[in-house]
Every structure is written in C-alpha cells, then in structure tokens.
C-alpha atoms as a PDB file:
ATOM      1  CA  MET A   1      13.066  32.761  -3.741  1.00  0.00           C
ATOM      2  CA  SER A   2       9.309  33.233  -2.423  1.00  0.00           C
ATOM      3  CA  SER A   3       7.618  36.028  -3.527  1.00  0.00           C
ATOM      4  CA  ALA A   4       7.037  38.975  -1.177  1.00  0.00           C
ATOM      5  CA  ASP A   5       3.279  39.770  -2.849  1.00  0.00           C
ATOM      6  CA  PRO A   6       1.477  36.616  -2.683  1.00  0.00           C
ATOM      7  CA  LYS A   7       0.723  35.945  -6.428  1.00  0.00           C
ATOM      8  CA  THR A   8      -3.210  35.943  -6.906  1.00  0.00           C
ATOM      9  CA  VAL A   9      -4.574  33.493  -9.904  1.00  0.00           C
ATOM     10  CA  GLU A  10      -7.667  32.971 -12.183  1.00  0.00           C
ATOM     11  CA  ALA A  11      -8.296  29.395 -11.502  1.00  0.00           C
ATOM     12  CA  ARG A  12     -10.522  27.371 -13.456  1.00  0.00           C
ATOM     13  CA  CYS A  13     -12.390  25.132 -10.854  1.00  0.00           C
ATOM     14  CA  VAL A  14     -15.685  22.619 -10.980  1.00  0.00           C
ATOM     15  CA  ARG A  15     -17.990  23.955  -8.766  1.00  0.00           C
ATOM     16  CA  LEU A  16     -20.861  21.890  -6.952  1.00  0.00           C
ATOM     17  CA  ASN A  17     -23.489  24.301  -6.557  1.00  0.00           C
ATOM     18  CA  ALA A  18     -25.898  22.551  -4.651  1.00  0.00           C
ATOM     19  CA  LYS A  19     -26.512  18.729  -3.188  1.00  0.00           C
ATOM     20  CA  ALA A  20     -27.633  16.224  -5.868  1.00  0.00           C
ATOM     21  CA  GLU A  21     -30.403  13.283  -4.858  1.00  0.00           C
ATOM     22  CA  ASN A  22     -28.159  10.807  -6.798  1.00  0.00           C
ATOM     23  CA  ALA A  23     -25.010  10.565  -9.240  1.00  0.00           C
ATOM     24  CA  ALA A  24     -26.792  11.158 -12.039  1.00  0.00           C
ATOM     25  CA  ALA A  25     -28.461  14.265 -11.747  1.00  0.00           C
ATOM     26  CA  VAL A  26     -24.715  15.775 -10.070  1.00  0.00           C
ATOM     27  CA  ALA A  27     -24.527  19.207 -12.053  1.00  0.00           C
ATOM     28  CA  PRO A  28     -20.839  20.458 -11.870  1.00  0.00           C
ATOM     29  CA  VAL A  29     -20.119  23.684 -13.790  1.00  0.00           C
ATOM     30  CA  VAL A  30     -16.742  25.231 -14.446  1.00  0.00           C
ATOM     31  CA  GLU A  31     -16.050  28.809 -12.683  1.00  0.00           C
ATOM     32  CA  HIS A  32     -13.216  31.195 -12.593  1.00  0.00           C
ATOM     33  CA  HIS A  33     -12.231  32.034  -9.399  1.00  0.00           C
ATOM     34  CA  THR A  34      -9.543  34.368  -7.678  1.00  0.00           C
ATOM     35  CA  LEU A  35      -6.641  32.359  -5.498  1.00  0.00           C
ATOM     36  CA  THR A  36      -4.162  33.964  -3.230  1.00  0.00           C
ATOM     37  CA  ARG A  37      -2.179  32.181  -0.818  1.00  0.00           C
ATOM     38  CA  GLY A  38      -1.567  32.622   2.839  1.00  0.00           C
ATOM     39  CA  PRO A  39       1.998  33.145   4.256  1.00  0.00           C
ATOM     40  CA  ASN A  40       2.551  29.774   5.089  1.00  0.00           C
ATOM     41  CA  ASP A  41       0.502  28.134   2.324  1.00  0.00           C
ATOM     42  CA  LEU A  42       1.685  27.033  -1.671  1.00  0.00           C
ATOM     43  CA  LEU A  43      -0.094  27.853  -4.653  1.00  0.00           C
ATOM     44  CA  ILE A  44      -0.061  25.105  -6.910  1.00  0.00           C
ATOM     45  CA  GLU A  45      -0.619  24.644 -10.149  1.00  0.00           C
ATOM     46  CA  ILE A  46      -2.360  21.340 -10.655  1.00  0.00           C
ATOM     47  CA  LYS A  47      -1.392  18.853 -13.507  1.00  0.00           C
ATOM     48  CA  ALA A  48      -4.034  16.025 -12.559  1.00  0.00           C
ATOM     49  CA  ALA A  49      -6.567  15.392  -9.243  1.00  0.00           C
ATOM     50  CA  ALA A  50      -7.967  11.901  -8.788  1.00  0.00           C
ATOM     51  CA  VAL A  51     -11.629  11.313  -8.972  1.00  0.00           C
ATOM     52  CA  ASN A  52     -12.658   8.984  -5.898  1.00  0.00           C
ATOM     53  CA  PRO A  53     -16.002   7.592  -4.342  1.00  0.00           C
ATOM     54  CA  SER A  54     -15.709   9.950  -1.408  1.00  0.00           C
ATOM     55  CA  ASP A  55     -16.108  12.442  -3.942  1.00  0.00           C
ATOM     56  CA  ILE A  56     -19.647  11.486  -5.462  1.00  0.00           C
ATOM     57  CA  LYS A  57     -21.040  10.248  -1.988  1.00  0.00           C
ATOM     58  CA  ALA A  58     -20.357  13.928  -0.503  1.00  0.00           C
ATOM     59  CA  ALA A  59     -22.239  15.372  -3.895  1.00  0.00           C
ATOM     60  CA  THR A  60     -24.999  13.239  -3.122  1.00  0.00           C
ATOM     61  CA  GLY A  61     -25.250  14.412   0.893  1.00  0.00           C
ATOM     62  CA  LEU A  62     -23.884  10.886   1.915  1.00  0.00           C
ATOM     63  CA  MET A  63     -21.459  13.164   4.051  1.00  0.00           C
ATOM     64  CA  PRO A  64     -23.396  15.683   6.098  1.00  0.00           C
ATOM     65  CA  TYR A  65     -20.451  18.128   6.813  1.00  0.00           C
ATOM     66  CA  ALA A  66     -19.680  18.920   2.782  1.00  0.00           C
ATOM     67  CA  VAL A  67     -20.393  22.086   2.304  1.00  0.00           C
ATOM     68  CA  PHE A  68     -22.065  23.441  -0.996  1.00  0.00           C
ATOM     69  CA  PRO A  69     -21.007  25.429  -3.164  1.00  0.00           C
ATOM     70  CA  ARG A  70     -17.314  23.878  -3.441  1.00  0.00           C
ATOM     71  CA  THR A  71     -14.798  22.519  -5.653  1.00  0.00           C
ATOM     72  CA  PRO A  72     -14.343  18.945  -5.199  1.00  0.00           C
ATOM     73  CA  GLY A  73     -11.366  16.672  -4.956  1.00  0.00           C
ATOM     74  CA  ARG A  74      -9.308  15.226  -2.529  1.00  0.00           C
ATOM     75  CA  ASP A  75      -6.249  14.029  -4.536  1.00  0.00           C
ATOM     76  CA  TYR A  76      -3.857  15.853  -6.696  1.00  0.00           C
ATOM     77  CA  ALA A  77      -0.154  15.831  -8.410  1.00  0.00           C
ATOM     78  CA  GLY A  78       1.357  19.410  -9.602  1.00  0.00           C
ATOM     79  CA  VAL A  79       3.858  22.184  -9.178  1.00  0.00           C
ATOM     80  CA  VAL A  80       4.295  24.748  -6.778  1.00  0.00           C
ATOM     81  CA  ILE A  81       4.214  28.208  -8.481  1.00  0.00           C
ATOM     82  CA  ASP A  82       4.326  30.329  -5.351  1.00  0.00           C
ATOM     83  CA  GLY A  83       4.982  29.925  -1.825  1.00  0.00           C
ATOM     84  CA  PRO A  84       7.588  30.267   1.096  1.00  0.00           C
ATOM     85  CA  ALA A  85      11.218  30.413   0.053  1.00  0.00           C
ATOM     86  CA  GLY A  86      12.239  27.424  -1.114  1.00  0.00           C
ATOM     87  CA  THR A  87       9.287  26.452  -2.399  1.00  0.00           C
ATOM     88  CA  ILE A  88       8.656  27.222  -5.838  1.00  0.00           C
ATOM     89  CA  GLY A  89       9.094  25.025  -8.855  1.00  0.00           C
ATOM     90  CA  ARG A  90       8.814  21.959  -6.669  1.00  0.00           C
ATOM     91  CA  ASP A  91       6.833  18.875  -8.186  1.00  0.00           C
ATOM     92  CA  VAL A  92       4.790  17.929  -5.572  1.00  0.00           C
ATOM     93  CA  PHE A  93       1.235  15.550  -4.504  1.00  0.00           C
ATOM     94  CA  GLY A  94      -0.522  14.908  -2.136  1.00  0.00           C
ATOM     95  CA  SER A  95      -4.317  14.401  -0.719  1.00  0.00           C
ATOM     96  CA  SER A  96      -6.447  15.397   2.023  1.00  0.00           C
ATOM     97  CA  GLY A  97      -9.303  14.188   4.560  1.00  0.00           C
ATOM     98  CA  ASP A  98     -10.920  17.843   4.041  1.00  0.00           C
ATOM     99  CA  LEU A  99     -10.235  19.233   0.716  1.00  0.00           C
ATOM    100  CA  GLY A 100     -13.417  19.026  -1.632  1.00  0.00           C
ATOM    101  CA  ILE A 101     -15.518  18.159   1.251  1.00  0.00           C
ATOM    102  CA  ARG A 102     -15.043  21.065   4.105  1.00  0.00           C
ATOM    103  CA  ARG A 103     -13.402  23.303   1.899  1.00  0.00           C
ATOM    104  CA  ASP A 104     -12.971  23.853  -2.049  1.00  0.00           C
ATOM    105  CA  GLY A 105     -10.696  20.584  -3.677  1.00  0.00           C
ATOM    106  CA  THR A 106      -8.494  19.771  -6.300  1.00  0.00           C
ATOM    107  CA  HIS A 107     -10.832  19.281  -9.449  1.00  0.00           C
ATOM    108  CA  ALA A 108      -9.296  22.739 -10.516  1.00  0.00           C
ATOM    109  CA  SER A 109      -6.777  24.351 -12.119  1.00  0.00           C
ATOM    110  CA  HIS A 110      -4.848  25.462  -9.306  1.00  0.00           C
ATOM    111  CA  LEU A 111      -4.880  24.746  -5.156  1.00  0.00           C
ATOM    112  CA  VAL A 112      -3.753  26.492  -1.940  1.00  0.00           C
ATOM    113  CA  VAL A 113      -2.885  24.377   0.802  1.00  0.00           C
ATOM    114  CA  GLY A 114      -0.641  24.647   3.613  1.00  0.00           C
ATOM    115  CA  ALA A 115       2.894  23.634   3.278  1.00  0.00           C
ATOM    116  CA  ASP A 116       3.255  21.037   5.435  1.00  0.00           C
ATOM    117  CA  ALA A 117       0.350  19.542   3.628  1.00  0.00           C
ATOM    118  CA  VAL A 118       2.591  18.454   0.062  1.00  0.00           C
ATOM    119  CA  VAL A 119       5.091  15.260  -0.443  1.00  0.00           C
ATOM    120  CA  GLU A 120       7.704  15.250  -3.245  1.00  0.00           C
ATOM    121  CA  LYS A 121       6.354  13.913  -6.585  1.00  0.00           C
ATOM    122  CA  PRO A 122       8.186  10.438  -6.671  1.00  0.00           C
ATOM    123  CA  LYS A 123      10.479  10.415  -9.731  1.00  0.00           C
ATOM    124  CA  GLY A 124       9.483   8.152 -12.473  1.00  0.00           C
ATOM    125  CA  LEU A 125       5.842   8.968 -11.986  1.00  0.00           C
ATOM    126  CA  SER A 126       3.575  10.403 -14.390  1.00  0.00           C
ATOM    127  CA  TRP A 127       1.414  13.446 -12.859  1.00  0.00           C
ATOM    128  CA  GLU A 128      -1.361  11.555 -13.547  1.00  0.00           C
ATOM    129  CA  GLU A 129       0.114   8.411 -11.540  1.00  0.00           C
ATOM    130  CA  ALA A 130       0.986  10.915  -8.761  1.00  0.00           C
ATOM    131  CA  ALA A 131      -2.503  12.069  -8.392  1.00  0.00           C
ATOM    132  CA  GLY A 132      -4.164   8.587  -8.056  1.00  0.00           C
ATOM    133  CA  ILE A 133      -1.778   7.244  -5.167  1.00  0.00           C
ATOM    134  CA  GLY A 134      -3.690   9.639  -2.709  1.00  0.00           C
ATOM    135  CA  VAL A 135      -6.747   8.267  -1.008  1.00  0.00           C
ATOM    136  CA  PRO A 136      -6.160   4.649  -1.334  1.00  0.00           C
ATOM    137  CA  PHE A 137      -2.645   4.241  -0.247  1.00  0.00           C
ATOM    138  CA  VAL A 138      -3.386   6.544   2.414  1.00  0.00           C
ATOM    139  CA  THR A 139      -6.522   4.673   3.575  1.00  0.00           C
ATOM    140  CA  ALA A 140      -4.436   1.359   3.383  1.00  0.00           C
ATOM    141  CA  MET A 141      -1.439   2.807   5.229  1.00  0.00           C
ATOM    142  CA  GLU A 142      -3.511   4.326   7.984  1.00  0.00           C
ATOM    143  CA  GLY A 143      -4.993   1.119   9.025  1.00  0.00           C
ATOM    144  CA  PHE A 144      -1.766  -0.637   9.219  1.00  0.00           C
ATOM    145  CA  ARG A 145      -0.367   2.281  11.265  1.00  0.00           C
ATOM    146  CA  ARG A 146      -3.201   1.924  13.572  1.00  0.00           C
ATOM    147  CA  ALA A 147      -3.665  -1.893  13.163  1.00  0.00           C
ATOM    148  CA  GLY A 148       0.029  -2.230  13.430  1.00  0.00           C
ATOM    149  CA  VAL A 149       2.207  -2.338  10.577  1.00  0.00           C
ATOM    150  CA  PRO A 150       2.144  -5.967   8.971  1.00  0.00           C
ATOM    151  CA  LYS A 151       5.649  -7.801   9.691  1.00  0.00           C
ATOM    152  CA  PRO A 152       7.390 -10.874   7.908  1.00  0.00           C
ATOM    153  CA  GLY A 153       6.117 -13.921   9.290  1.00  0.00           C
ATOM    154  CA  GLU A 154       2.386 -12.351   9.309  1.00  0.00           C
ATOM    155  CA  THR A 155      -0.653 -13.297   7.395  1.00  0.00           C
ATOM    156  CA  VAL A 156      -2.640 -10.637   6.110  1.00  0.00           C
ATOM    157  CA  LEU A 157      -5.928 -11.402   4.687  1.00  0.00           C
ATOM    158  CA  VAL A 158      -7.620  -8.645   1.916  1.00  0.00           C
ATOM    159  CA  PHE A 159     -11.364  -8.426   1.472  1.00  0.00           C
ATOM    160  CA  GLY A 160     -12.232  -6.757  -1.655  1.00  0.00           C
ATOM    161  CA  VAL A 161      -8.416  -7.224  -2.995  1.00  0.00           C
ATOM    162  CA  ASN A 162      -9.162  -5.895  -6.459  1.00  0.00           C
ATOM    163  CA  GLY A 163     -10.534  -2.552  -5.179  1.00  0.00           C
ATOM    164  CA  LYS A 164      -8.232   0.299  -4.970  1.00  0.00           C
ATOM    165  CA  VAL A 165      -7.555   0.280  -1.269  1.00  0.00           C
ATOM    166  CA  GLY A 166      -7.387  -3.319  -1.546  1.00  0.00           C
ATOM    167  CA  GLN A 167      -4.680  -3.174  -3.953  1.00  0.00           C
ATOM    168  CA  ALA A 168      -2.479  -0.906  -1.917  1.00  0.00           C
ATOM    169  CA  ALA A 169      -2.888  -2.825   1.266  1.00  0.00           C
ATOM    170  CA  VAL A 170      -1.521  -5.965  -0.963  1.00  0.00           C
ATOM    171  CA  GLN A 171       1.287  -3.612  -1.826  1.00  0.00           C
ATOM    172  CA  ILE A 172       2.160  -2.442   1.426  1.00  0.00           C
ATOM    173  CA  ALA A 173       1.514  -5.957   3.414  1.00  0.00           C
ATOM    174  CA  THR A 174       4.079  -7.477   0.651  1.00  0.00           C
ATOM    175  CA  TRP A 175       6.527  -4.835   0.744  1.00  0.00           C
ATOM    176  CA  GLN A 176       6.875  -5.440   4.329  1.00  0.00           C
ATOM    177  CA  GLY A 177       7.122  -8.971   3.748  1.00  0.00           C
ATOM    178  CA  ALA A 178       3.935 -10.120   5.089  1.00  0.00           C
ATOM    179  CA  ARG A 179       1.827 -12.995   2.967  1.00  0.00           C
ATOM    180  CA  VAL A 180      -0.914 -11.783   1.763  1.00  0.00           C
ATOM    181  CA  ILE A 181      -4.021 -13.801   1.276  1.00  0.00           C
ATOM    182  CA  GLY A 182      -6.790 -11.928  -0.686  1.00  0.00           C
ATOM    183  CA  VAL A 183     -10.741 -12.453  -1.258  1.00  0.00           C
ATOM    184  CA  VAL A 184     -12.561 -11.839  -4.150  1.00  0.00           C
ATOM    185  CA  ARG A 185     -16.320 -11.969  -4.869  1.00  0.00           C
ATOM    186  CA  LYS A 186     -16.309 -14.240  -7.602  1.00  0.00           C
ATOM    187  CA  ALA A 187     -13.732 -15.999  -9.554  1.00  0.00           C
ATOM    188  CA  GLU A 188     -10.848 -14.023 -11.006  1.00  0.00           C
ATOM    189  CA  ALA A 189      -7.215 -13.240 -10.133  1.00  0.00           C
ATOM    190  CA  TYR A 190      -5.929 -10.702  -8.267  1.00  0.00           C
ATOM    191  CA  ALA A 191      -5.258  -8.027 -10.694  1.00  0.00           C
ATOM    192  CA  GLY A 192      -2.619  -5.525  -9.037  1.00  0.00           C
ATOM    193  CA  HIS A 193       0.957  -5.425  -8.394  1.00  0.00           C
ATOM    194  CA  ALA A 194       2.567  -7.309  -5.670  1.00  0.00           C
ATOM    195  CA  ASN A 195       6.045  -8.141  -3.972  1.00  0.00           C
ATOM    196  CA  ALA A 196       5.198 -11.886  -3.656  1.00  0.00           C
ATOM    197  CA  PRO A 197       2.331 -14.405  -4.791  1.00  0.00           C
ATOM    198  CA  ILE A 198      -0.767 -13.888  -3.424  1.00  0.00           C
ATOM    199  CA  GLU A 199      -3.137 -16.558  -2.860  1.00  0.00           C
ATOM    200  CA  VAL A 200      -7.033 -15.532  -3.817  1.00  0.00           C
ATOM    201  CA  ILE A 201      -9.960 -17.299  -2.073  1.00  0.00           C
ATOM    202  CA  ASP A 202     -13.225 -17.063  -4.455  1.00  0.00           C
ATOM    203  CA  ALA A 203     -16.079 -16.453  -1.823  1.00  0.00           C
ATOM    204  CA  SER A 204     -18.677 -17.620  -4.227  1.00  0.00           C
ATOM    205  CA  ALA A 205     -17.294 -21.101  -3.549  1.00  0.00           C
ATOM    206  CA  ALA A 206     -15.297 -21.211  -0.571  1.00  0.00           C
ATOM    207  CA  ASP A 207     -15.959 -20.885   3.162  1.00  0.00           C
ATOM    208  CA  ILE A 208     -13.477 -18.205   3.624  1.00  0.00           C
ATOM    209  CA  ALA A 209     -12.849 -18.928   7.256  1.00  0.00           C
ATOM    210  CA  ALA A 210     -11.988 -22.599   6.678  1.00  0.00           C
ATOM    211  CA  ARG A 211      -9.988 -21.800   3.562  1.00  0.00           C
ATOM    212  CA  VAL A 212      -7.836 -19.035   5.805  1.00  0.00           C
ATOM    213  CA  ARG A 213      -7.380 -21.668   8.799  1.00  0.00           C
ATOM    214  CA  GLU A 214      -6.453 -24.400   5.688  1.00  0.00           C
ATOM    215  CA  LEU A 215      -3.851 -21.722   4.368  1.00  0.00           C
ATOM    216  CA  THR A 216      -2.074 -21.053   7.593  1.00  0.00           C
ATOM    217  CA  GLY A 217      -1.999 -24.386   9.668  1.00  0.00           C
ATOM    218  CA  GLY A 218      -4.969 -23.689  11.747  1.00  0.00           C
ATOM    219  CA  LYS A 219      -4.289 -19.806  12.789  1.00  0.00           C
ATOM    220  CA  GLY A 220      -5.780 -17.660  10.825  1.00  0.00           C
ATOM    221  CA  ALA A 221      -5.030 -14.240   9.972  1.00  0.00           C
ATOM    222  CA  ASP A 222      -3.026 -11.888  11.936  1.00  0.00           C
ATOM    223  CA  ILE A 223      -4.649  -8.769  10.392  1.00  0.00           C
ATOM    224  CA  VAL A 224      -7.517  -8.839   8.340  1.00  0.00           C
ATOM    225  CA  PHE A 225      -8.390  -5.580   5.943  1.00  0.00           C
ATOM    226  CA  ASN A 226     -11.968  -5.847   5.633  1.00  0.00           C
ATOM    227  CA  THR A 227     -12.345  -3.102   2.453  1.00  0.00           C
ATOM    228  CA  VAL A 228     -16.269  -3.815   2.153  1.00  0.00           C
ATOM    229  CA  GLY A 229     -17.801  -3.976   5.731  1.00  0.00           C
ATOM    230  CA  ASP A 230     -20.528  -5.502   7.026  1.00  0.00           C
ATOM    231  CA  PRO A 231     -21.170  -8.306   3.746  1.00  0.00           C
ATOM    232  CA  TYR A 232     -17.729 -10.218   5.303  1.00  0.00           C
ATOM    233  CA  PHE A 233     -17.539  -8.998   8.791  1.00  0.00           C
ATOM    234  CA  GLN A 234     -18.858 -12.791   9.852  1.00  0.00           C
ATOM    235  CA  ALA A 235     -16.128 -14.458   7.662  1.00  0.00           C
ATOM    236  CA  ALA A 236     -13.199 -11.406   8.925  1.00  0.00           C
ATOM    237  CA  HIS A 237     -14.069 -12.389  12.578  1.00  0.00           C
ATOM    238  CA  LYS A 238     -14.012 -16.108  12.222  1.00  0.00           C
ATOM    239  CA  SER A 239     -10.507 -15.599  10.098  1.00  0.00           C
ATOM    240  CA  LEU A 240      -8.733 -13.809  12.790  1.00  0.00           C
ATOM    241  CA  ALA A 241      -5.875 -15.503  14.656  1.00  0.00           C
ATOM    242  CA  LEU A 242      -5.501 -15.463  18.346  1.00  0.00           C
ATOM    243  CA  ARG A 243      -4.957 -11.372  19.089  1.00  0.00           C
ATOM    244  CA  GLY A 244      -5.707 -11.008  15.363  1.00  0.00           C
ATOM    245  CA  ARG A 245      -6.776  -7.251  14.164  1.00  0.00           C
ATOM    246  CA  GLN A 246      -9.347  -6.197  11.831  1.00  0.00           C
ATOM    247  CA  ILE A 247      -9.726  -3.149   9.836  1.00  0.00           C
ATOM    248  CA  LEU A 248     -12.804  -1.831   8.812  1.00  0.00           C
ATOM    249  CA  ILE A 249     -13.315   1.417   6.239  1.00  0.00           C
ATOM    250  CA  ALA A 250     -16.700   0.575   4.398  1.00  0.00           C
ATOM    251  CA  ALA A 251     -19.948  -0.323   5.160  1.00  0.00           C
ATOM    252  CA  ILE A 252     -23.163  -0.959   3.652  1.00  0.00           C
ATOM    253  CA  ASP A 253     -25.822  -2.139   5.894  1.00  0.00           C
ATOM    254  CA  ARG A 254     -24.286  -0.098   9.385  1.00  0.00           C
ATOM    255  CA  ILE A 255     -25.710  -3.063  11.906  1.00  0.00           C
ATOM    256  CA  VAL A 256     -23.917  -6.370  12.186  1.00  0.00           C
ATOM    257  CA  GLN A 257     -24.212  -9.182  14.600  1.00  0.00           C
ATOM    258  CA  PHE A 258     -21.281  -9.384  17.035  1.00  0.00           C
ATOM    259  CA  ASN A 259     -20.357 -11.939  19.242  1.00  0.00           C
ATOM    260  CA  ILE A 260     -18.509 -10.398  22.116  1.00  0.00           C
ATOM    261  CA  LEU A 261     -17.604 -13.871  24.152  1.00  0.00           C
ATOM    262  CA  GLU A 262     -15.467 -14.499  20.672  1.00  0.00           C
ATOM    263  CA  PHE A 263     -14.278 -11.281  20.368  1.00  0.00           C
ATOM    264  CA  TYR A 264     -12.808 -11.342  23.760  1.00  0.00           C
ATOM    265  CA  ARG A 265     -11.748 -15.057  23.885  1.00  0.00           C
ATOM    266  CA  GLY A 266     -10.012 -14.291  20.374  1.00  0.00           C
ATOM    267  CA  GLN A 267      -8.269 -11.255  22.411  1.00  0.00           C
ATOM    268  CA  HIS A 268      -9.147  -8.859  19.062  1.00  0.00           C
ATOM    269  CA  THR A 269      -8.796  -5.631  18.131  1.00  0.00           C
ATOM    270  CA  TYR A 270     -11.066  -3.862  15.965  1.00  0.00           C
ATOM    271  CA  VAL A 271      -9.355  -0.667  14.261  1.00  0.00           C
ATOM    272  CA  GLY A 272     -11.906   1.717  12.376  1.00  0.00           C
ATOM    273  CA  ILE A 273     -10.540   4.003   9.576  1.00  0.00           C
ATOM    274  CA  ASP A 274     -11.891   7.131   8.091  1.00  0.00           C
ATOM    275  CA  THR A 275      -9.234   8.783   6.250  1.00  0.00           C
ATOM    276  CA  LEU A 276     -12.233  12.032   5.996  1.00  0.00           C
ATOM    277  CA  GLY A 277     -11.053  12.553   9.758  1.00  0.00           C
ATOM    278  CA  LEU A 278      -7.625  13.242   8.319  1.00  0.00           C
ATOM    279  CA  SER A 279      -6.303  17.131   7.665  1.00  0.00           C
ATOM    280  CA  SER A 280      -3.973  17.765   4.745  1.00  0.00           C
ATOM    281  CA  ALA A 281      -0.804  17.898   6.693  1.00  0.00           C
ATOM    282  CA  ALA A 282      -1.682  14.504   8.683  1.00  0.00           C
ATOM    283  CA  THR A 283      -2.528  13.249   5.232  1.00  0.00           C
ATOM    284  CA  GLY A 284       1.055  14.380   4.339  1.00  0.00           C
ATOM    285  CA  ALA A 285       2.387  12.414   6.983  1.00  0.00           C
ATOM    286  CA  VAL A 286       1.260   9.252   5.887  1.00  0.00           C
ATOM    287  CA  LEU A 287       1.997   9.873   2.453  1.00  0.00           C
ATOM    288  CA  ARG A 288       5.828  10.435   3.380  1.00  0.00           C
ATOM    289  CA  ASP A 289       5.750   7.194   5.066  1.00  0.00           C
ATOM    290  CA  LEU A 290       5.207   5.489   1.732  1.00  0.00           C
ATOM    291  CA  GLY A 291       7.643   7.701  -0.344  1.00  0.00           C
ATOM    292  CA  PRO A 292      10.450   4.932   0.096  1.00  0.00           C
ATOM    293  CA  GLY A 293       8.606   2.282  -1.460  1.00  0.00           C
ATOM    294  CA  PHE A 294       7.558   4.216  -4.360  1.00  0.00           C
ATOM    295  CA  ALA A 295      11.372   5.372  -4.723  1.00  0.00           C
ATOM    296  CA  SER A 296      12.516   1.419  -4.603  1.00  0.00           C
ATOM    297  CA  GLY A 297       9.579   0.263  -6.585  1.00  0.00           C
ATOM    298  CA  HIS A 298       8.107  -1.844  -3.768  1.00  0.00           C
ATOM    299  CA  LEU A 299       4.707   0.394  -4.323  1.00  0.00           C
ATOM    300  CA  ARG A 300       3.902   1.168  -7.730  1.00  0.00           C
ATOM    301  CA  PRO A 301       0.727   3.788  -8.752  1.00  0.00           C
ATOM    302  CA  PHE A 302      -2.245   2.096 -10.558  1.00  0.00           C
ATOM    303  CA  PRO A 303      -1.843   2.112 -13.800  1.00  0.00           C
ATOM    304  CA  ILE A 304      -4.073   5.225 -15.628  1.00  0.00           C
ATOM    305  CA  LYS A 305      -5.615   4.208 -19.073  1.00  0.00           C
ATOM    306  CA  ALA A 306      -6.233   7.396 -21.718  1.00  0.00           C
ATOM    307  CA  SER A 307      -9.779   6.946 -21.443  1.00  0.00           C
ATOM    308  CA  ALA A 308     -10.079   7.084 -18.027  1.00  0.00           C
ATOM    309  CA  ILE A 309      -8.649  10.702 -18.551  1.00  0.00           C
ATOM    310  CA  TYR A 310     -11.196  13.897 -18.484  1.00  0.00           C
ATOM    311  CA  PRO A 311     -10.761  17.880 -18.899  1.00  0.00           C
ATOM    312  CA  LEU A 312     -12.644  19.491 -16.188  1.00  0.00           C
ATOM    313  CA  GLU A 313     -15.268  20.642 -18.715  1.00  0.00           C
ATOM    314  CA  ARG A 314     -16.311  16.455 -18.621  1.00  0.00           C
ATOM    315  CA  ALA A 315     -16.442  16.216 -14.604  1.00  0.00           C
ATOM    316  CA  LYS A 316     -19.844  14.792 -15.110  1.00  0.00           C
ATOM    317  CA  GLU A 317     -18.817  11.882 -17.073  1.00  0.00           C
ATOM    318  CA  ALA A 318     -16.092  11.404 -14.566  1.00  0.00           C
ATOM    319  CA  TYR A 319     -17.940  11.669 -11.609  1.00  0.00           C
ATOM    320  CA  VAL A 320     -20.964   9.067 -13.387  1.00  0.00           C
ATOM    321  CA  ALA A 321     -17.657   6.572 -14.287  1.00  0.00           C
ATOM    322  CA  VAL A 322     -16.606   6.538 -10.283  1.00  0.00           C
ATOM    323  CA  ALA A 323     -20.221   6.108  -9.391  1.00  0.00           C
ATOM    324  CA  GLY A 324     -20.948   3.084 -11.590  1.00  0.00           C
ATOM    325  CA  SER A 325     -17.714   1.090 -10.058  1.00  0.00           C
ATOM    326  CA  SER A 326     -15.729   1.582 -12.690  1.00  0.00           C
ATOM    327  CA  ARG A 327     -12.191  -0.038 -11.858  1.00  0.00           C
ATOM    328  CA  ASP A 328     -10.202   2.345 -13.670  1.00  0.00           C
ATOM    329  CA  ARG A 329      -8.662   5.158 -11.745  1.00  0.00           C
ATOM    330  CA  VAL A 330     -10.174   8.024 -12.739  1.00  0.00           C
ATOM    331  CA  ILE A 331      -8.401  11.446 -13.369  1.00  0.00           C
ATOM    332  CA  LEU A 332      -9.196  14.964 -14.088  1.00  0.00           C
ATOM    333  CA  LYS A 333      -6.546  16.710 -16.168  1.00  0.00           C
ATOM    334  CA  PRO A 334      -6.840  20.712 -16.251  1.00  0.00           C
END
C-alpha cells in the first residue's frame, strides 16, 4: 500500500553552507530539514552513504554548477518508508550525477528520489557495501557501455588499476570474459577482486606500451580504461590496438599533445565519461545492468573497514580522509 498523504519526516542532514578554499576548510554542520515526497517519489531512510572524491571537489568549488547551501552525497543504500503502491519496505540502493551537487544529496538520515532512480539491493550485501558500489561501478560500466562492453578474447588495459574505478573496471571486464592488464605507478600487486588473473605493469620500471605489445603478441589493447588522464595519455595512445578505444574519466593537466595522424591511422575512438551528467534515473539504469553480476558473485562490493565508517556528526573527518586519497571506501552512517 502507499500513503494517501505523503509522510513528512524531520531529516538530519549534513549541510555545506558555503564553498571552502580547500578540503581542510570544508565546514559541514548537521541541520534538521523537513522532507516530503512528490507523487512519483520515494522517501528513503538512509542506512549508509558513501563519500566520493567528487563530493570534496564540489565542496571546494571545482564544480562550478554545485549549489550552496546543500547536502552533499551521491551514493546511498536504505529502506523505502513512503512511496507509490508496492514500494514501501523495499531495500534499495542508488547513485546519481545531480544528487549532492545540484540538489540535496545522501549525507543525511533521509532522501527523496524519483521512483525510477532506485535499484533493489542485492541480497547478501550489507548496507555499507551496497552504498559503496555507486559512483565507481557506474563510472566503469558507463565507460564500457559507451566504448563497447568487453568481449571474450579482447584485452582491456586499466591505468590506475588499484583505484576504485580501476577495480570496478577489472571486475566488469573479467566478468565479461576479457583479459585485463593493469598499470600501477609503483611496484604493487592488483588489490581488488577479479574473475581471472590480472597482469600488472609497474609504470616506474617498464615502458608501458612496449610491455603491452609484448603481452598481446604485438596487437595492443582493444580498450584502454584511463582512470588517471593526462599523465598516461601518451602511453595509453601508444598501447591501443587497431580500432582500439580509450576511455577517459579524469585529468590533472587539461591539455595534452595529440598525434592526429596516429589517431586516424589507428582508427581509434576516444570516449569521455562524466557521470555528473547522468540523472538519478539514468544512473539507476546503469546499476540495473550490473545487478546480475552482483547476484552471481562475479561482481563484488568493495570491502568496508570499520575504521572508515563515520556518523554524520563526523562528516568533516570523512571528507578529509577522502581528500587525502584514502584507499578505503569511506562511508557515512546516519
């Protein structure tokens, strides 16, 4: 049954009232706000919400369209407590490009989102694990959806393989039967889950493109997932197979040298992914594509450490941890 009169709740919300100069200056406060859903909305009691690097970038003015004051947060997991018929009591999770940036987000006790935005929480996942899936897996999957989902027999080269998007890309590519080669900045093994062995190239000790050609019998990589951007742009470009596709999601310096002749002779495709451009509903559609992988165990959530879970009142510590490049998946728990 649904409520004839939508419920109203007093939500506890983390608020950023103004842009901060840097991550250390971010000054979240917890306020009470009244939330009511619209006719096609769900009111969700949030059980856990992840903190993403984009939350910190928006707080420090690196996303000019971020509004203030607002409640940050893009990823969440929780229970529907009010909504249209048949929705109440469902365990759901989700993510979004506009939540927490252009409108109030998930770092709160409750959230209102459109009914088409949520996805059933996979059974066997904790609230914290489900909340941690969002942005990294959506970014990886949207990259593959746009560049062509990897096929058995294809080689996927992942730069920044131990980052969260890198790990999600490895999981998805190996789930689809592709071979994955990872690139790390300094000597370390691949740290995440995979459905097949992962070869790792240490960028500090090897010529990446030469090693990729060696490992692929001269062919190169069919897909390069470059999660870092310009520092690896040339190595990625030189690693591409004929008709290879490079996916780009980040940049440090915005301008790169670009050999147009090699680009068209190689018949390459470059795909730019900005998940901030995806609505809650579009993000929900991407997450639904991933559902079977989590159900079958081919995809696994990131491990959540107890030390990386913070109450709303300690949001600042959580934000500072993420800004400091913590490798943990940082979670807020109302």
